[in-house]
Amino acid sequence: MFKCGALSSFTMAAILLAASNASQAQAPELQQRFEKKVQEYEAGDKVTVPPRGAILFAGDSQFYRWNTIHEDLPGYTLINRGIDSFQLPDLLRYFDRLVLPYKPRLIVLHVGGNDVHNGRTSAQVLADLQAFVARVRDTLPGVHVVYSSITPGPGRWDEAPQRVVTNRAIREYIATQPDLAFVDLWEAMLTPAGQPREDLWVSDRVHPNHAGYLIRVQLTLPHLGPKG
């Protein structure tokens, strides 16, 4: 059972396993794909100028593949800028192009799972999140950030110890910050026995299906503020 609140039984296992996985340098092909997608977003913004003061969803494939986001969150002005395979360093690298131009009223993040999958430690992930928050505070003062936790996809259940430790580190940091909020998807996607629910994922068992996204909707809605 890997619950977020039960760290003591496997914290050392997570640290040792993370230490054994050297951080993998991203292939040039992946960076080229990121750049191409950012350029596509920028080109689309020239055709249809996005509204200022929207809610910006930024992060990895769990947002990129959320094709029903507008139907699932009706009445909200949303901009979705997820990119498949993104990690926090990528979000920082593209901050001036994926975040800053939109002048959002709120930022919702889902990122960190690929970082863990590629061997980055909880300390590294937390440091990058703190760097992102610092950029927001410096360039978009008063904008709050909602961080949705790393999820317990059964296809990556072997990474559960590292994922729980990382979620805990981020949650504890966010609890000390007045302009941040933490959405705990991990616990909501487990069975009473502490195993990942198999009914919430597409065939790869990593990415959520619509039922999985609706859990995200239920938990995120209280943080979005008024519609419009």
Protein backbone atom coordinates (compact mmCIF):
# COMPACT_ATOMS: atom_id res chain seq x y z
CA MET A 1 0.00 0.00 0.00
CA PHE A 2 1.44 3.35 -1.03
CA LYS A 3 -0.49 6.14 0.65
CA CYS A 4 0.83 9.70 0.76
CA GLY A 5 0.64 9.79 4.53
CA ALA A 6 2.68 6.64 5.09
CA LEU A 7 6.22 7.64 4.23
CA SER A 8 8.26 6.10 7.00
CA SER A 9 8.03 2.54 5.68
CA PHE A 10 9.58 3.28 2.33
CA THR A 11 11.25 6.70 2.33
CA MET A 12 14.71 5.13 2.29
CA ALA A 13 13.69 2.77 -0.51
CA ALA A 14 12.54 5.72 -2.59
CA ILE A 15 15.76 7.64 -1.98
CA LEU A 16 17.95 4.67 -2.86
CA LEU A 17 15.97 3.88 -5.99
CA ALA A 18 16.05 7.49 -7.15
CA ALA A 19 19.78 7.65 -6.52
CA SER A 20 20.33 4.56 -8.64
CA ASN A 21 18.62 6.19 -11.63
CA ALA A 22 20.85 8.89 -13.09
CA SER A 23 18.94 11.83 -14.50
CA GLN A 24 18.58 11.23 -18.20
CA ALA A 25 19.53 14.01 -20.61
CA GLN A 26 16.68 14.58 -22.99
CA ALA A 27 17.30 13.61 -26.59
CA PRO A 28 17.58 16.38 -29.17
CA GLU A 29 14.55 14.89 -30.93
CA LEU A 30 12.44 15.46 -27.82
CA GLN A 31 13.60 19.05 -27.50
CA GLN A 32 12.78 19.59 -31.16
CA ARG A 33 9.29 18.20 -30.58
CA PHE A 34 8.80 20.56 -27.63
CA GLU A 35 9.92 23.54 -29.71
CA LYS A 36 7.61 22.56 -32.55
CA LYS A 37 4.63 22.32 -30.21
CA VAL A 38 5.38 25.68 -28.61
CA GLN A 39 5.60 27.21 -32.07
CA GLU A 40 2.22 25.66 -32.92
CA TYR A 41 0.70 27.26 -29.83
CA GLU A 42 2.26 30.60 -30.74
CA ALA A 43 0.98 30.40 -34.31
CA GLY A 44 -2.51 29.60 -33.06
CA ASP A 45 -2.39 32.56 -30.71
CA LYS A 46 -1.73 34.87 -33.66
CA VAL A 47 -4.82 33.57 -35.45
CA THR A 48 -7.04 33.65 -32.38
CA VAL A 49 -5.74 35.95 -29.68
CA PRO A 50 -6.24 34.21 -26.32
CA PRO A 51 -8.07 36.14 -23.59
CA ARG A 52 -6.19 37.78 -20.76
CA GLY A 53 -7.17 36.83 -17.24
CA ALA A 54 -7.98 33.21 -18.10
CA ILE A 55 -7.10 30.10 -16.11
CA LEU A 56 -3.93 28.63 -17.58
CA PHE A 57 -3.42 24.87 -17.48
CA ALA A 58 0.27 24.05 -18.01
CA GLY A 59 2.31 20.89 -17.71
CA ASP A 60 2.60 17.49 -19.28
CA SER A 61 0.54 14.97 -21.25
CA GLN A 62 -2.23 14.73 -18.67
CA PHE A 63 -3.25 18.24 -19.74
CA TYR A 64 -2.16 17.86 -23.37
CA ARG A 65 -4.46 14.84 -23.78
CA TRP A 66 -7.37 16.41 -21.90
CA ASN A 67 -9.53 16.87 -24.98
CA THR A 68 -12.73 17.48 -23.00
CA ILE A 69 -11.39 20.18 -20.69
CA HIS A 70 -13.83 22.84 -21.89
CA GLU A 71 -16.81 20.49 -21.65
CA ASP A 72 -15.68 19.25 -18.24
CA LEU A 73 -15.21 22.79 -16.89
CA PRO A 74 -18.04 24.75 -18.54
CA GLY A 75 -18.32 28.44 -17.89
CA TYR A 76 -14.62 28.99 -17.21
CA THR A 77 -12.25 30.84 -19.53
CA LEU A 78 -9.45 28.31 -19.96
CA ILE A 79 -6.20 28.06 -21.87
CA ASN A 80 -4.61 24.60 -22.07
CA ARG A 81 -0.90 24.57 -22.83
CA GLY A 82 0.06 21.03 -21.84
CA ILE A 83 2.85 19.34 -23.79
CA ASP A 84 3.38 15.60 -24.00
CA SER A 85 6.46 14.37 -22.03
CA PHE A 86 7.10 17.75 -20.38
CA GLN A 87 9.12 17.94 -17.18
CA LEU A 88 9.55 20.88 -14.82
CA PRO A 89 12.85 22.01 -16.39
CA ASP A 90 11.01 22.21 -19.71
CA LEU A 91 8.25 24.32 -18.21
CA LEU A 92 10.87 26.64 -16.74
CA ARG A 93 12.71 26.83 -20.06
CA TYR A 94 9.54 27.84 -21.89
CA PHE A 95 8.06 30.01 -19.14
CA ASP A 96 8.38 33.21 -21.17
CA ARG A 97 6.48 31.62 -24.07
CA LEU A 98 4.01 29.23 -22.42
CA VAL A 99 3.05 31.12 -19.27
CA LEU A 100 3.95 34.78 -19.22
CA PRO A 101 2.23 35.93 -22.45
CA TYR A 102 -1.21 34.84 -21.26
CA LYS A 103 -1.32 37.00 -18.12
CA PRO A 104 -3.56 34.41 -16.42
CA ARG A 105 -5.54 35.01 -13.26
CA LEU A 106 -4.71 31.47 -12.06
CA ILE A 107 -2.23 28.77 -13.08
CA VAL A 108 -3.03 25.07 -12.71
CA LEU A 109 -0.05 22.72 -13.03
CA HIS A 110 0.24 19.04 -13.68
CA VAL A 111 3.90 18.16 -14.03
CA GLY A 112 6.42 16.05 -12.13
CA GLY A 113 5.49 12.51 -13.07
CA ASN A 114 7.86 12.44 -16.04
CA ASP A 115 10.58 13.91 -13.84
CA VAL A 116 10.26 10.99 -11.43
CA HIS A 117 10.00 8.53 -14.31
CA ASN A 118 13.32 9.82 -15.63
CA GLY A 119 15.12 9.40 -12.31
CA ARG A 120 14.92 12.90 -10.84
CA THR A 121 14.75 13.06 -7.06
CA SER A 122 12.02 14.63 -4.97
CA ALA A 123 14.48 17.38 -3.99
CA GLN A 124 15.14 18.20 -7.63
CA VAL A 125 11.45 18.29 -8.49
CA LEU A 126 10.67 20.48 -5.49
CA ALA A 127 13.52 22.87 -6.30
CA ASP A 128 12.22 23.30 -9.84
CA LEU A 129 8.68 23.90 -8.61
CA GLN A 130 10.00 26.53 -6.21
CA ALA A 131 11.85 28.13 -9.11
CA PHE A 132 8.64 28.18 -11.13
CA VAL A 133 6.74 29.78 -8.25
CA ALA A 134 9.49 32.39 -7.92
CA ARG A 135 9.14 33.24 -11.61
CA VAL A 136 5.38 33.62 -11.22
CA ARG A 137 5.73 35.86 -8.18
CA ASP A 138 8.31 38.00 -9.95
CA THR A 139 6.50 38.40 -13.29
CA LEU A 140 2.83 37.77 -12.43
CA PRO A 141 2.42 39.09 -8.87
CA GLY A 142 -0.78 38.04 -7.18
CA VAL A 143 -1.39 35.05 -9.46
CA HIS A 144 -2.01 31.87 -7.50
CA VAL A 145 -0.74 28.45 -8.54
CA VAL A 146 -2.65 25.19 -8.08
CA TYR A 147 -0.45 22.08 -8.24
CA SER A 148 -2.19 18.80 -9.01
CA SER A 149 -0.28 15.87 -7.63
CA ILE A 150 1.54 13.13 -9.45
CA THR A 151 -0.92 10.32 -10.17
CA PRO A 152 -0.78 6.59 -9.32
CA GLY A 153 -1.03 5.15 -12.82
CA PRO A 154 -0.79 1.35 -12.62
CA GLY A 155 1.57 1.36 -15.60
CA ARG A 156 4.16 3.10 -13.43
CA TRP A 157 3.26 1.59 -10.09
CA ASP A 158 6.86 0.43 -9.68
CA GLU A 159 7.66 4.14 -9.16
CA ALA A 160 5.13 4.51 -6.35
CA PRO A 161 7.70 5.05 -3.57
CA GLN A 162 9.41 7.93 -5.41
CA ARG A 163 6.08 9.40 -6.47
CA VAL A 164 4.68 9.41 -2.94
CA VAL A 165 7.85 10.98 -1.52
CA THR A 166 7.76 13.66 -4.21
CA ASN A 167 4.07 14.39 -3.65
CA ARG A 168 4.69 14.67 0.08
CA ALA A 169 7.62 17.07 -0.36
CA ILE A 170 5.55 19.30 -2.63
CA ARG A 171 2.46 19.17 -0.43
CA GLU A 172 4.45 20.13 2.66
CA TYR A 173 6.05 23.05 0.82
CA ILE A 174 2.71 24.27 -0.55
CA ALA A 175 1.16 24.13 2.93
CA THR A 176 3.54 26.91 3.96
CA GLN A 177 2.66 29.21 1.05
CA PRO A 178 -0.42 31.46 1.01
CA ASP A 179 -0.68 31.69 -2.79
CA LEU A 180 -0.37 27.97 -3.60
CA ALA A 181 -2.78 25.04 -3.41
CA PHE A 182 -2.30 21.27 -3.64
CA VAL A 183 -4.80 18.92 -5.32
CA ASP A 184 -4.30 15.37 -4.07
CA LEU A 185 -5.12 13.12 -7.01
CA TRP A 186 -3.05 10.25 -5.60
CA GLU A 187 -5.33 9.28 -2.75
CA ALA A 188 -8.47 9.83 -4.85
CA MET A 189 -7.27 7.35 -7.49
CA LEU A 190 -6.48 4.49 -5.10
CA THR A 191 -8.69 1.64 -3.96
CA PRO A 192 -9.47 1.26 -0.23
CA ALA A 193 -6.62 -1.27 -0.21
CA GLY A 194 -4.18 1.39 -1.41
CA GLN A 195 -3.78 0.07 -4.95
CA PRO A 196 -4.33 2.07 -8.15
CA ARG A 197 -7.86 1.87 -9.52
CA GLU A 198 -7.72 0.10 -12.87
CA ASP A 199 -10.91 1.74 -14.16
CA LEU A 200 -9.42 5.24 -14.41
CA TRP A 201 -6.84 4.79 -17.16
CA VAL A 202 -6.56 4.30 -20.90
CA SER A 203 -4.87 1.21 -22.30
CA ASP A 204 -1.33 2.38 -21.48
CA ARG A 205 -2.33 2.46 -17.78
CA VAL A 206 -0.43 5.75 -17.39
CA HIS A 207 -2.81 8.37 -18.76
CA PRO A 208 -6.31 8.87 -17.32
CA ASN A 209 -9.52 8.13 -19.17
CA HIS A 210 -12.53 10.41 -18.88
CA ALA A 211 -13.49 8.96 -15.51
CA GLY A 212 -10.01 9.81 -14.29
CA TYR A 213 -10.31 13.36 -15.59
CA LEU A 214 -13.65 13.76 -13.83
CA ILE A 215 -11.94 12.99 -10.52
CA ARG A 216 -9.50 15.80 -11.34
CA VAL A 217 -12.44 18.10 -12.12
CA GLN A 218 -14.14 17.36 -8.80
CA LEU A 219 -11.01 18.09 -6.80
CA THR A 220 -9.85 21.10 -8.81
CA LEU A 221 -13.15 22.99 -9.02
CA PRO A 222 -12.97 24.42 -5.46
CA HIS A 223 -9.73 26.19 -6.39
CA LEU A 224 -10.85 27.82 -9.66
CA GLY A 225 -12.84 30.72 -8.28
CA PRO A 226 -15.82 32.27 -10.06
CA LYS A 227 -16.79 31.28 -13.60
CA GLY A 228 -16.09 33.56 -16.47
